[in-house]
Amino acid sequence: MDEQTPIALLTDVVHDNEPLVQSIALGKAGTRSMVFVTYSATAAFATLISALAGILVQWLLTASYIAESRSMVSSVVGLVGTLVSVVIGLLVWTSYGLFNAQQSDLEVVGRSVARLHFALRQFGPQAVTAHAVLRKQALQVKARFWPDEQCAVRQDIVRIVVYKNIHADVQEMLAALAILHPTDQDQRESLAQMREIFARFVETQLSMLRNLANRVPNILLNVVVGWACVLFFGYGLLAGINALTLFMAVIGSLTVASSILMILEMSDPYTGLMQISSVTFDQLLYALTEQP
């Protein structure tokens, strides 16, 4: 295997993702979670008010007038209901796919760190610097994706919300690997594999950040909530005016809000109520603290 190939791959990865390095930002856990809950509560309130507005309009109009328009109202309600159900279903599926993709990528990152840690052991004391660099970058991964408040007070962790240090990280690890002097064929092959593994380690993180940047657009969610408001207004026009109608309007509004909350939570799986656990990664970090 050509030892320069992994280095060239790292260079291409950094160059291709230059705009990403400068633009991706991850918000604080508590702040983003409250934003998600607030947006979902607003959607519930808007749909409920729309249903009440429909009931009010029905109460203001005569029964004969509503009967003459029932066919058109029912058709529009059916059309909008189909659009809302299809789009919300697709958004939930897309967000769930992002959630699973992040889990898979985290497994790749974790395996890369473990394989690098194991391979560096073959070089004994001369790999101390590389071990330190690996541990530092693994801690930065934890701080980057799980914005835990404890990370901010640790002296050996810098809270990084953008991967703007990718150039320094790559050069630092390559420099640490460059001082290793393999003494046999096995160590030479191991060194070449470590460069390739580190390239995958960096590239996977960039892929994870890119996916987080391509979350569900807010304008799309706003359109879906608008459709839901039109739908509930139509329901209000067609429904009978009684306590059960009001109760079901509340239940429907909460259903829409819960689906919106699910979409938002799964599209950013490191904050909020539905987040990927960091327990496995913490165990890996603990292993890195042991003597090589």
C-alpha atoms as a PDB file:
ATOM      1  CA  MET A   1       0.000   0.000   0.000  1.00  0.00           C
ATOM      2  CA  ASP A   2       1.247   3.454  -0.865  1.00  0.00           C
ATOM      3  CA  GLU A   3       1.796   5.345   2.397  1.00  0.00           C
ATOM      4  CA  GLN A   4       1.046   8.658   0.719  1.00  0.00           C
ATOM      5  CA  THR A   5      -2.461   7.633  -0.281  1.00  0.00           C
ATOM      6  CA  PRO A   6      -4.055   8.209   3.174  1.00  0.00           C
ATOM      7  CA  ILE A   7      -2.302  11.582   3.450  1.00  0.00           C
ATOM      8  CA  ALA A   8      -3.612  12.603   0.041  1.00  0.00           C
ATOM      9  CA  LEU A   9      -7.058  11.443   1.114  1.00  0.00           C
ATOM     10  CA  LEU A  10      -6.902  13.626   4.221  1.00  0.00           C
ATOM     11  CA  THR A  11      -5.874  16.610   2.125  1.00  0.00           C
ATOM     12  CA  ASP A  12      -8.785  16.070  -0.250  1.00  0.00           C
ATOM     13  CA  VAL A  13     -11.223  15.669   2.628  1.00  0.00           C
ATOM     14  CA  VAL A  14     -10.125  18.930   4.246  1.00  0.00           C
ATOM     15  CA  HIS A  15     -10.158  20.818   0.946  1.00  0.00           C
ATOM     16  CA  ASP A  16     -13.572  19.523  -0.165  1.00  0.00           C
ATOM     17  CA  ASN A  17     -15.149  20.408   3.169  1.00  0.00           C
ATOM     18  CA  GLU A  18     -13.638  23.884   3.567  1.00  0.00           C
ATOM     19  CA  PRO A  19     -17.031  25.684   3.466  1.00  0.00           C
ATOM     20  CA  LEU A  20     -18.410  23.183   5.960  1.00  0.00           C
ATOM     21  CA  VAL A  21     -15.518  23.729   8.366  1.00  0.00           C
ATOM     22  CA  GLN A  22     -16.287  27.424   8.504  1.00  0.00           C
ATOM     23  CA  SER A  23     -20.085  27.297   8.697  1.00  0.00           C
ATOM     24  CA  ILE A  24     -21.350  24.381  10.795  1.00  0.00           C
ATOM     25  CA  ALA A  25     -22.444  25.263  14.305  1.00  0.00           C
ATOM     26  CA  LEU A  26     -24.039  23.143  17.004  1.00  0.00           C
ATOM     27  CA  GLY A  27     -26.192  24.913  19.565  1.00  0.00           C
ATOM     28  CA  LYS A  28     -26.222  24.355  23.298  1.00  0.00           C
ATOM     29  CA  ALA A  29     -28.218  21.381  24.516  1.00  0.00           C
ATOM     30  CA  GLY A  30     -30.645  23.196  26.788  1.00  0.00           C
ATOM     31  CA  THR A  31     -31.223  26.048  24.350  1.00  0.00           C
ATOM     32  CA  ARG A  32     -31.993  23.845  21.348  1.00  0.00           C
ATOM     33  CA  SER A  33     -34.261  21.562  23.372  1.00  0.00           C
ATOM     34  CA  MET A  34     -36.316  24.534  24.587  1.00  0.00           C
ATOM     35  CA  VAL A  35     -36.541  25.849  21.027  1.00  0.00           C
ATOM     36  CA  PHE A  36     -37.910  22.488  19.867  1.00  0.00           C
ATOM     37  CA  VAL A  37     -40.483  22.338  22.676  1.00  0.00           C
ATOM     38  CA  THR A  38     -41.516  25.962  22.128  1.00  0.00           C
ATOM     39  CA  TYR A  39     -41.968  25.456  18.387  1.00  0.00           C
ATOM     40  CA  SER A  40     -44.045  22.309  18.971  1.00  0.00           C
ATOM     41  CA  ALA A  41     -46.196  24.072  21.576  1.00  0.00           C
ATOM     42  CA  THR A  42     -46.737  26.929  19.132  1.00  0.00           C
ATOM     43  CA  ALA A  43     -47.860  24.426  16.480  1.00  0.00           C
ATOM     44  CA  ALA A  44     -50.316  22.868  18.950  1.00  0.00           C
ATOM     45  CA  PHE A  45     -51.700  26.282  19.893  1.00  0.00           C
ATOM     46  CA  ALA A  46     -52.023  27.382  16.252  1.00  0.00           C
ATOM     47  CA  THR A  47     -53.879  24.249  15.156  1.00  0.00           C
ATOM     48  CA  LEU A  48     -56.196  24.386  18.161  1.00  0.00           C
ATOM     49  CA  ILE A  49     -57.015  28.056  17.519  1.00  0.00           C
ATOM     50  CA  SER A  50     -57.696  27.182  13.869  1.00  0.00           C
ATOM     51  CA  ALA A  51     -60.162  24.487  14.923  1.00  0.00           C
ATOM     52  CA  LEU A  52     -61.884  26.915  17.290  1.00  0.00           C
ATOM     53  CA  ALA A  53     -62.008  29.503  14.503  1.00  0.00           C
ATOM     54  CA  GLY A  54     -63.708  26.957  12.250  1.00  0.00           C
ATOM     55  CA  ILE A  55     -66.246  26.188  14.958  1.00  0.00           C
ATOM     56  CA  LEU A  56     -66.876  29.911  15.418  1.00  0.00           C
ATOM     57  CA  VAL A  57     -67.402  30.454  11.693  1.00  0.00           C
ATOM     58  CA  GLN A  58     -69.807  27.496  11.637  1.00  0.00           C
ATOM     59  CA  TRP A  59     -71.714  29.037  14.537  1.00  0.00           C
ATOM     60  CA  LEU A  60     -71.919  32.412  12.759  1.00  0.00           C
ATOM     61  CA  LEU A  61     -73.120  30.990   9.431  1.00  0.00           C
ATOM     62  CA  THR A  62     -76.516  29.476   8.760  1.00  0.00           C
ATOM     63  CA  ALA A  63     -76.919  25.717   8.548  1.00  0.00           C
ATOM     64  CA  SER A  64     -78.180  25.922   4.941  1.00  0.00           C
ATOM     65  CA  TYR A  65     -75.144  27.933   3.845  1.00  0.00           C
ATOM     66  CA  ILE A  66     -72.768  25.388   5.351  1.00  0.00           C
ATOM     67  CA  ALA A  67     -74.733  22.501   3.807  1.00  0.00           C
ATOM     68  CA  GLU A  68     -74.365  24.048   0.342  1.00  0.00           C
ATOM     69  CA  SER A  69     -70.590  24.324   0.785  1.00  0.00           C
ATOM     70  CA  ARG A  70     -70.042  20.995   2.559  1.00  0.00           C
ATOM     71  CA  SER A  71     -68.995  19.155  -0.609  1.00  0.00           C
ATOM     72  CA  MET A  72     -66.189  21.623  -1.421  1.00  0.00           C
ATOM     73  CA  VAL A  73     -65.105  21.927   2.209  1.00  0.00           C
ATOM     74  CA  SER A  74     -64.921  18.146   2.556  1.00  0.00           C
ATOM     75  CA  SER A  75     -62.874  17.854  -0.646  1.00  0.00           C
ATOM     76  CA  VAL A  76     -60.374  20.495   0.447  1.00  0.00           C
ATOM     77  CA  VAL A  77     -60.126  18.984   3.924  1.00  0.00           C
ATOM     78  CA  GLY A  78     -59.439  15.572   2.381  1.00  0.00           C
ATOM     79  CA  LEU A  79     -56.781  17.036   0.058  1.00  0.00           C
ATOM     80  CA  VAL A  80     -55.002  18.958   2.824  1.00  0.00           C
ATOM     81  CA  GLY A  81     -55.290  16.010   5.202  1.00  0.00           C
ATOM     82  CA  THR A  82     -53.572  13.760   2.663  1.00  0.00           C
ATOM     83  CA  LEU A  83     -50.791  16.310   2.122  1.00  0.00           C
ATOM     84  CA  VAL A  84     -50.217  16.732   5.849  1.00  0.00           C
ATOM     85  CA  SER A  85     -50.150  13.011   6.575  1.00  0.00           C
ATOM     86  CA  VAL A  86     -47.803  12.224   3.665  1.00  0.00           C
ATOM     87  CA  VAL A  87     -45.366  15.078   4.330  1.00  0.00           C
ATOM     88  CA  ILE A  88     -45.248  14.523   8.093  1.00  0.00           C
ATOM     89  CA  GLY A  89     -44.672  10.810   7.482  1.00  0.00           C
ATOM     90  CA  LEU A  90     -41.788  11.584   5.110  1.00  0.00           C
ATOM     91  CA  LEU A  91     -40.273  14.079   7.535  1.00  0.00           C
ATOM     92  CA  VAL A  92     -40.444  11.598  10.418  1.00  0.00           C
ATOM     93  CA  TRP A  93     -38.832   8.939   8.227  1.00  0.00           C
ATOM     94  CA  THR A  94     -36.100  11.344   7.071  1.00  0.00           C
ATOM     95  CA  SER A  95     -35.335  12.452  10.628  1.00  0.00           C
ATOM     96  CA  TYR A  96     -35.258   8.844  11.796  1.00  0.00           C
ATOM     97  CA  GLY A  97     -32.839   8.056   8.965  1.00  0.00           C
ATOM     98  CA  LEU A  98     -30.593  10.923  10.105  1.00  0.00           C
ATOM     99  CA  PHE A  99     -30.758   9.629  13.674  1.00  0.00           C
ATOM    100  CA  ASN A 100     -29.707   6.136  12.582  1.00  0.00           C
ATOM    101  CA  ALA A 101     -26.995   7.523  10.288  1.00  0.00           C
ATOM    102  CA  GLN A 102     -25.485   9.456  13.187  1.00  0.00           C
ATOM    103  CA  GLN A 103     -25.465   6.288  15.300  1.00  0.00           C
ATOM    104  CA  SER A 104     -23.729   4.344  12.522  1.00  0.00           C
ATOM    105  CA  ASP A 105     -21.159   7.092  11.979  1.00  0.00           C
ATOM    106  CA  LEU A 106     -20.472   7.233  15.711  1.00  0.00           C
ATOM    107  CA  GLU A 107     -19.726   3.527  15.638  1.00  0.00           C
ATOM    108  CA  VAL A 108     -17.251   4.152  12.812  1.00  0.00           C
ATOM    109  CA  VAL A 109     -15.592   6.951  14.811  1.00  0.00           C
ATOM    110  CA  GLY A 110     -15.440   4.762  17.918  1.00  0.00           C
ATOM    111  CA  ARG A 111     -13.969   1.818  16.015  1.00  0.00           C
ATOM    112  CA  SER A 112     -11.402   4.106  14.394  1.00  0.00           C
ATOM    113  CA  VAL A 113     -10.269   5.402  17.784  1.00  0.00           C
ATOM    114  CA  ALA A 114     -10.091   1.878  19.215  1.00  0.00           C
ATOM    115  CA  ARG A 115      -8.126   0.570  16.231  1.00  0.00           C
ATOM    116  CA  LEU A 116      -5.685   3.471  16.383  1.00  0.00           C
ATOM    117  CA  HIS A 117      -5.235   2.917  20.113  1.00  0.00           C
ATOM    118  CA  PHE A 118      -4.547  -0.784  19.588  1.00  0.00           C
ATOM    119  CA  ALA A 119      -2.171  -0.206  16.656  1.00  0.00           C
ATOM    120  CA  LEU A 120      -0.158   2.415  18.548  1.00  0.00           C
ATOM    121  CA  ARG A 121       0.551  -0.090  21.308  1.00  0.00           C
ATOM    122  CA  GLN A 122       2.798  -1.980  18.928  1.00  0.00           C
ATOM    123  CA  PHE A 123       5.234   0.940  18.902  1.00  0.00           C
ATOM    124  CA  GLY A 124       5.700   1.103  22.667  1.00  0.00           C
ATOM    125  CA  PRO A 125       7.166   4.266  24.243  1.00  0.00           C
ATOM    126  CA  GLN A 126       7.784   6.035  20.918  1.00  0.00           C
ATOM    127  CA  ALA A 127       3.982   6.249  20.434  1.00  0.00           C
ATOM    128  CA  VAL A 128       3.387   8.318  23.596  1.00  0.00           C
ATOM    129  CA  THR A 129       2.920  11.518  21.587  1.00  0.00           C
ATOM    130  CA  ALA A 130       0.514   9.854  19.162  1.00  0.00           C
ATOM    131  CA  HIS A 131      -1.466   8.420  22.089  1.00  0.00           C
ATOM    132  CA  ALA A 132      -1.763  11.899  23.616  1.00  0.00           C
ATOM    133  CA  VAL A 133      -2.935  13.389  20.315  1.00  0.00           C
ATOM    134  CA  LEU A 134      -5.467  10.591  19.858  1.00  0.00           C
ATOM    135  CA  ARG A 135      -6.858  11.092  23.354  1.00  0.00           C
ATOM    136  CA  LYS A 136      -7.109  14.859  22.858  1.00  0.00           C
ATOM    137  CA  GLN A 137      -8.977  14.497  19.564  1.00  0.00           C
ATOM    138  CA  ALA A 138     -11.301  11.849  21.015  1.00  0.00           C
ATOM    139  CA  LEU A 139     -12.161  14.243  23.846  1.00  0.00           C
ATOM    140  CA  GLN A 140     -12.843  16.943  21.278  1.00  0.00           C
ATOM    141  CA  VAL A 141     -15.259  14.607  19.481  1.00  0.00           C
ATOM    142  CA  LYS A 142     -17.146  14.173  22.761  1.00  0.00           C
ATOM    143  CA  ALA A 143     -17.229  17.938  23.353  1.00  0.00           C
ATOM    144  CA  ARG A 144     -18.213  18.621  19.744  1.00  0.00           C
ATOM    145  CA  PHE A 145     -21.241  16.351  19.544  1.00  0.00           C
ATOM    146  CA  TRP A 146     -22.378  16.157  23.163  1.00  0.00           C
ATOM    147  CA  PRO A 147     -22.365  19.766  24.438  1.00  0.00           C
ATOM    148  CA  ASP A 148     -22.212  18.761  28.087  1.00  0.00           C
ATOM    149  CA  GLU A 149     -21.667  21.630  30.537  1.00  0.00           C
ATOM    150  CA  GLN A 150     -18.991  19.603  32.298  1.00  0.00           C
ATOM    151  CA  CYS A 151     -16.849  19.744  29.173  1.00  0.00           C
ATOM    152  CA  ALA A 152     -16.573  23.505  29.523  1.00  0.00           C
ATOM    153  CA  VAL A 153     -14.932  23.321  32.948  1.00  0.00           C
ATOM    154  CA  ARG A 154     -12.427  20.603  32.101  1.00  0.00           C
ATOM    155  CA  GLN A 155      -9.002  22.078  31.436  1.00  0.00           C
ATOM    156  CA  ASP A 156      -8.032  19.441  28.878  1.00  0.00           C
ATOM    157  CA  ILE A 157     -11.179  19.927  26.747  1.00  0.00           C
ATOM    158  CA  VAL A 158     -11.958  22.876  24.521  1.00  0.00           C
ATOM    159  CA  ARG A 159     -15.669  23.272  23.730  1.00  0.00           C
ATOM    160  CA  ILE A 160     -15.651  23.208  19.936  1.00  0.00           C
ATOM    161  CA  VAL A 161     -18.935  24.000  18.223  1.00  0.00           C
ATOM    162  CA  VAL A 162     -17.381  24.106  14.761  1.00  0.00           C
ATOM    163  CA  TYR A 163     -14.741  21.853  13.289  1.00  0.00           C
ATOM    164  CA  LYS A 164     -12.523  24.808  12.471  1.00  0.00           C
ATOM    165  CA  ASN A 165      -9.458  23.007  13.876  1.00  0.00           C
ATOM    166  CA  ILE A 166      -9.536  20.255  11.290  1.00  0.00           C
ATOM    167  CA  HIS A 167      -6.322  21.449   9.637  1.00  0.00           C
ATOM    168  CA  ALA A 168      -4.483  21.530  12.957  1.00  0.00           C
ATOM    169  CA  ASP A 169      -5.903  18.143  13.984  1.00  0.00           C
ATOM    170  CA  VAL A 170      -4.785  16.496  10.764  1.00  0.00           C
ATOM    171  CA  GLN A 171      -1.308  17.994  10.861  1.00  0.00           C
ATOM    172  CA  GLU A 172      -0.894  17.199  14.546  1.00  0.00           C
ATOM    173  CA  MET A 173      -1.735  13.516  14.112  1.00  0.00           C
ATOM    174  CA  LEU A 174       0.305  13.134  10.930  1.00  0.00           C
ATOM    175  CA  ALA A 175       3.276  14.712  12.703  1.00  0.00           C
ATOM    176  CA  ALA A 176       2.830  12.336  15.638  1.00  0.00           C
ATOM    177  CA  LEU A 177       2.728   9.361  13.276  1.00  0.00           C
ATOM    178  CA  ALA A 178       5.734  10.652  11.350  1.00  0.00           C
ATOM    179  CA  ILE A 179       8.022  10.278  14.380  1.00  0.00           C
ATOM    180  CA  LEU A 180       7.228   6.564  14.607  1.00  0.00           C
ATOM    181  CA  HIS A 181      10.023   4.366  13.261  1.00  0.00           C
ATOM    182  CA  PRO A 182       8.801   0.910  12.249  1.00  0.00           C
ATOM    183  CA  THR A 183      11.395  -1.826  12.694  1.00  0.00           C
ATOM    184  CA  ASP A 184       9.740  -4.634  10.730  1.00  0.00           C
ATOM    185  CA  GLN A 185       7.198  -5.254   7.999  1.00  0.00           C
ATOM    186  CA  ASP A 186       4.301  -5.651  10.427  1.00  0.00           C
ATOM    187  CA  GLN A 187       4.924  -2.246  11.954  1.00  0.00           C
ATOM    188  CA  ARG A 188       5.282  -0.643   8.515  1.00  0.00           C
ATOM    189  CA  GLU A 189       1.918  -2.085   7.467  1.00  0.00           C
ATOM    190  CA  SER A 190       0.420  -1.003  10.789  1.00  0.00           C
ATOM    191  CA  LEU A 191       1.651   2.560  10.296  1.00  0.00           C
ATOM    192  CA  ALA A 192       0.129   2.707   6.815  1.00  0.00           C
ATOM    193  CA  GLN A 193      -3.159   1.377   8.201  1.00  0.00           C
ATOM    194  CA  MET A 194      -3.162   3.983  10.967  1.00  0.00           C
ATOM    195  CA  ARG A 195      -2.942   6.782   8.403  1.00  0.00           C
ATOM    196  CA  GLU A 196      -5.874   5.269   6.538  1.00  0.00           C
ATOM    197  CA  ILE A 197      -7.885   4.785   9.744  1.00  0.00           C
ATOM    198  CA  PHE A 198      -7.244   8.376  10.799  1.00  0.00           C
ATOM    199  CA  ALA A 199      -8.428   9.578   7.385  1.00  0.00           C
ATOM    200  CA  ARG A 200     -11.678   7.698   7.949  1.00  0.00           C
ATOM    201  CA  PHE A 201     -11.888   9.142  11.477  1.00  0.00           C
ATOM    202  CA  VAL A 202     -11.759  12.718  10.148  1.00  0.00           C
ATOM    203  CA  GLU A 203     -13.922  12.110   7.097  1.00  0.00           C
ATOM    204  CA  THR A 204     -16.672  10.489   9.169  1.00  0.00           C
ATOM    205  CA  GLN A 205     -16.828  13.454  11.536  1.00  0.00           C
ATOM    206  CA  LEU A 206     -17.191  15.828   8.592  1.00  0.00           C
ATOM    207  CA  SER A 207     -19.962  13.644   7.195  1.00  0.00           C
ATOM    208  CA  MET A 208     -21.747  13.760  10.555  1.00  0.00           C
ATOM    209  CA  LEU A 209     -21.497  17.557  10.689  1.00  0.00           C
ATOM    210  CA  ARG A 210     -22.693  17.833   7.099  1.00  0.00           C
ATOM    211  CA  ASN A 211     -25.768  15.751   7.913  1.00  0.00           C
ATOM    212  CA  LEU A 212     -26.497  17.862  10.981  1.00  0.00           C
ATOM    213  CA  ALA A 213     -26.282  20.970   8.801  1.00  0.00           C
ATOM    214  CA  ASN A 214     -28.826  19.510   6.373  1.00  0.00           C
ATOM    215  CA  ARG A 215     -31.631  19.178   8.866  1.00  0.00           C
ATOM    216  CA  VAL A 216     -35.292  19.686   7.995  1.00  0.00           C
ATOM    217  CA  PRO A 217     -35.657  23.304   6.781  1.00  0.00           C
ATOM    218  CA  ASN A 218     -37.681  25.537   9.075  1.00  0.00           C
ATOM    219  CA  ILE A 219     -39.686  26.867   6.142  1.00  0.00           C
ATOM    220  CA  LEU A 220     -40.863  23.332   5.357  1.00  0.00           C
ATOM    221  CA  LEU A 221     -42.033  22.824   8.934  1.00  0.00           C
ATOM    222  CA  ASN A 222     -43.795  26.195   8.792  1.00  0.00           C
ATOM    223  CA  VAL A 223     -45.620  25.142   5.627  1.00  0.00           C
ATOM    224  CA  VAL A 224     -46.681  21.852   7.235  1.00  0.00           C
ATOM    225  CA  VAL A 225     -47.978  23.682  10.311  1.00  0.00           C
ATOM    226  CA  GLY A 226     -49.844  26.073   8.003  1.00  0.00           C
ATOM    227  CA  TRP A 227     -51.455  23.123   6.212  1.00  0.00           C
ATOM    228  CA  ALA A 228     -52.391  21.642   9.588  1.00  0.00           C
ATOM    229  CA  CYS A 229     -54.059  24.928  10.570  1.00  0.00           C
ATOM    230  CA  VAL A 230     -56.104  24.906   7.336  1.00  0.00           C
ATOM    231  CA  LEU A 231     -57.016  21.277   8.000  1.00  0.00           C
ATOM    232  CA  PHE A 232     -58.184  21.952  11.550  1.00  0.00           C
ATOM    233  CA  PHE A 233     -60.155  24.987  10.380  1.00  0.00           C
ATOM    234  CA  GLY A 234     -61.980  22.713   7.966  1.00  0.00           C
ATOM    235  CA  TYR A 235     -62.575  20.181  10.712  1.00  0.00           C
ATOM    236  CA  GLY A 236     -64.113  22.956  12.797  1.00  0.00           C
ATOM    237  CA  LEU A 237     -66.442  23.910   9.951  1.00  0.00           C
ATOM    238  CA  LEU A 238     -67.697  20.346   9.533  1.00  0.00           C
ATOM    239  CA  ALA A 239     -67.829  19.144  13.140  1.00  0.00           C
ATOM    240  CA  GLY A 240     -70.716  19.415  15.533  1.00  0.00           C
ATOM    241  CA  ILE A 241     -70.425  22.020  18.281  1.00  0.00           C
ATOM    242  CA  ASN A 242     -70.085  20.131  21.554  1.00  0.00           C
ATOM    243  CA  ALA A 243     -67.602  19.238  24.289  1.00  0.00           C
ATOM    244  CA  LEU A 244     -66.421  16.079  22.525  1.00  0.00           C
ATOM    245  CA  THR A 245     -65.493  18.126  19.451  1.00  0.00           C
ATOM    246  CA  LEU A 246     -63.380  20.457  21.586  1.00  0.00           C
ATOM    247  CA  PHE A 247     -61.728  17.521  23.305  1.00  0.00           C
ATOM    248  CA  MET A 248     -60.825  15.844  20.013  1.00  0.00           C
ATOM    249  CA  ALA A 249     -59.511  19.170  18.675  1.00  0.00           C
ATOM    250  CA  VAL A 250     -57.134  19.312  21.627  1.00  0.00           C
ATOM    251  CA  ILE A 251     -56.053  15.700  21.054  1.00  0.00           C
ATOM    252  CA  GLY A 252     -55.455  16.380  17.369  1.00  0.00           C
ATOM    253  CA  SER A 253     -53.418  19.501  18.108  1.00  0.00           C
ATOM    254  CA  LEU A 254     -51.255  17.592  20.561  1.00  0.00           C
ATOM    255  CA  THR A 255     -50.749  14.858  17.960  1.00  0.00           C
ATOM    256  CA  VAL A 256     -49.500  17.366  15.395  1.00  0.00           C
ATOM    257  CA  ALA A 257     -47.236  18.978  18.010  1.00  0.00           C
ATOM    258  CA  SER A 258     -45.785  15.620  19.074  1.00  0.00           C
ATOM    259  CA  SER A 259     -44.949  14.738  15.461  1.00  0.00           C
ATOM    260  CA  ILE A 260     -43.230  18.100  14.967  1.00  0.00           C
ATOM    261  CA  LEU A 261     -41.293  17.601  18.201  1.00  0.00           C
ATOM    262  CA  MET A 262     -40.250  14.112  17.093  1.00  0.00           C
ATOM    263  CA  ILE A 263     -38.976  15.459  13.776  1.00  0.00           C
ATOM    264  CA  LEU A 264     -36.971  18.235  15.453  1.00  0.00           C
ATOM    265  CA  GLU A 265     -35.538  15.995  18.171  1.00  0.00           C
ATOM    266  CA  MET A 266     -34.385  13.224  15.824  1.00  0.00           C
ATOM    267  CA  SER A 267     -32.869  15.729  13.391  1.00  0.00           C
ATOM    268  CA  ASP A 268     -30.439  16.846  16.131  1.00  0.00           C
ATOM    269  CA  PRO A 269     -29.756  13.632  18.072  1.00  0.00           C
ATOM    270  CA  TYR A 270     -27.181  15.038  20.502  1.00  0.00           C
ATOM    271  CA  THR A 271     -29.464  17.437  22.358  1.00  0.00           C
ATOM    272  CA  GLY A 272     -32.945  17.401  23.778  1.00  0.00           C
ATOM    273  CA  LEU A 273     -35.133  14.536  24.900  1.00  0.00           C
ATOM    274  CA  MET A 274     -34.272  11.943  22.220  1.00  0.00           C
ATOM    275  CA  GLN A 275     -30.514  11.972  22.125  1.00  0.00           C
ATOM    276  CA  ILE A 276     -27.908   9.335  21.368  1.00  0.00           C
ATOM    277  CA  SER A 277     -26.295   8.088  24.543  1.00  0.00           C
ATOM    278  CA  SER A 278     -22.631   8.905  25.058  1.00  0.00           C
ATOM    279  CA  VAL A 279     -22.049   5.991  27.482  1.00  0.00           C
ATOM    280  CA  THR A 280     -20.203   3.820  24.943  1.00  0.00           C
ATOM    281  CA  PHE A 281     -18.009   6.722  23.855  1.00  0.00           C
ATOM    282  CA  ASP A 282     -17.288   7.579  27.503  1.00  0.00           C
ATOM    283  CA  GLN A 283     -16.085   4.012  28.057  1.00  0.00           C
ATOM    284  CA  LEU A 284     -13.800   4.383  25.066  1.00  0.00           C
ATOM    285  CA  LEU A 285     -12.401   7.626  26.484  1.00  0.00           C
ATOM    286  CA  TYR A 286     -11.778   5.871  29.796  1.00  0.00           C
ATOM    287  CA  ALA A 287      -9.805   3.189  27.960  1.00  0.00           C
ATOM    288  CA  LEU A 288      -7.656   5.899  26.366  1.00  0.00           C
ATOM    289  CA  THR A 289      -6.674   7.196  29.801  1.00  0.00           C
ATOM    290  CA  GLU A 290      -4.954   3.911  30.611  1.00  0.00           C
ATOM    291  CA  GLN A 291      -1.272   3.567  30.039  1.00  0.00           C
ATOM    292  CA  PRO A 292      -0.473   2.462  26.458  1.00  0.00           C
END
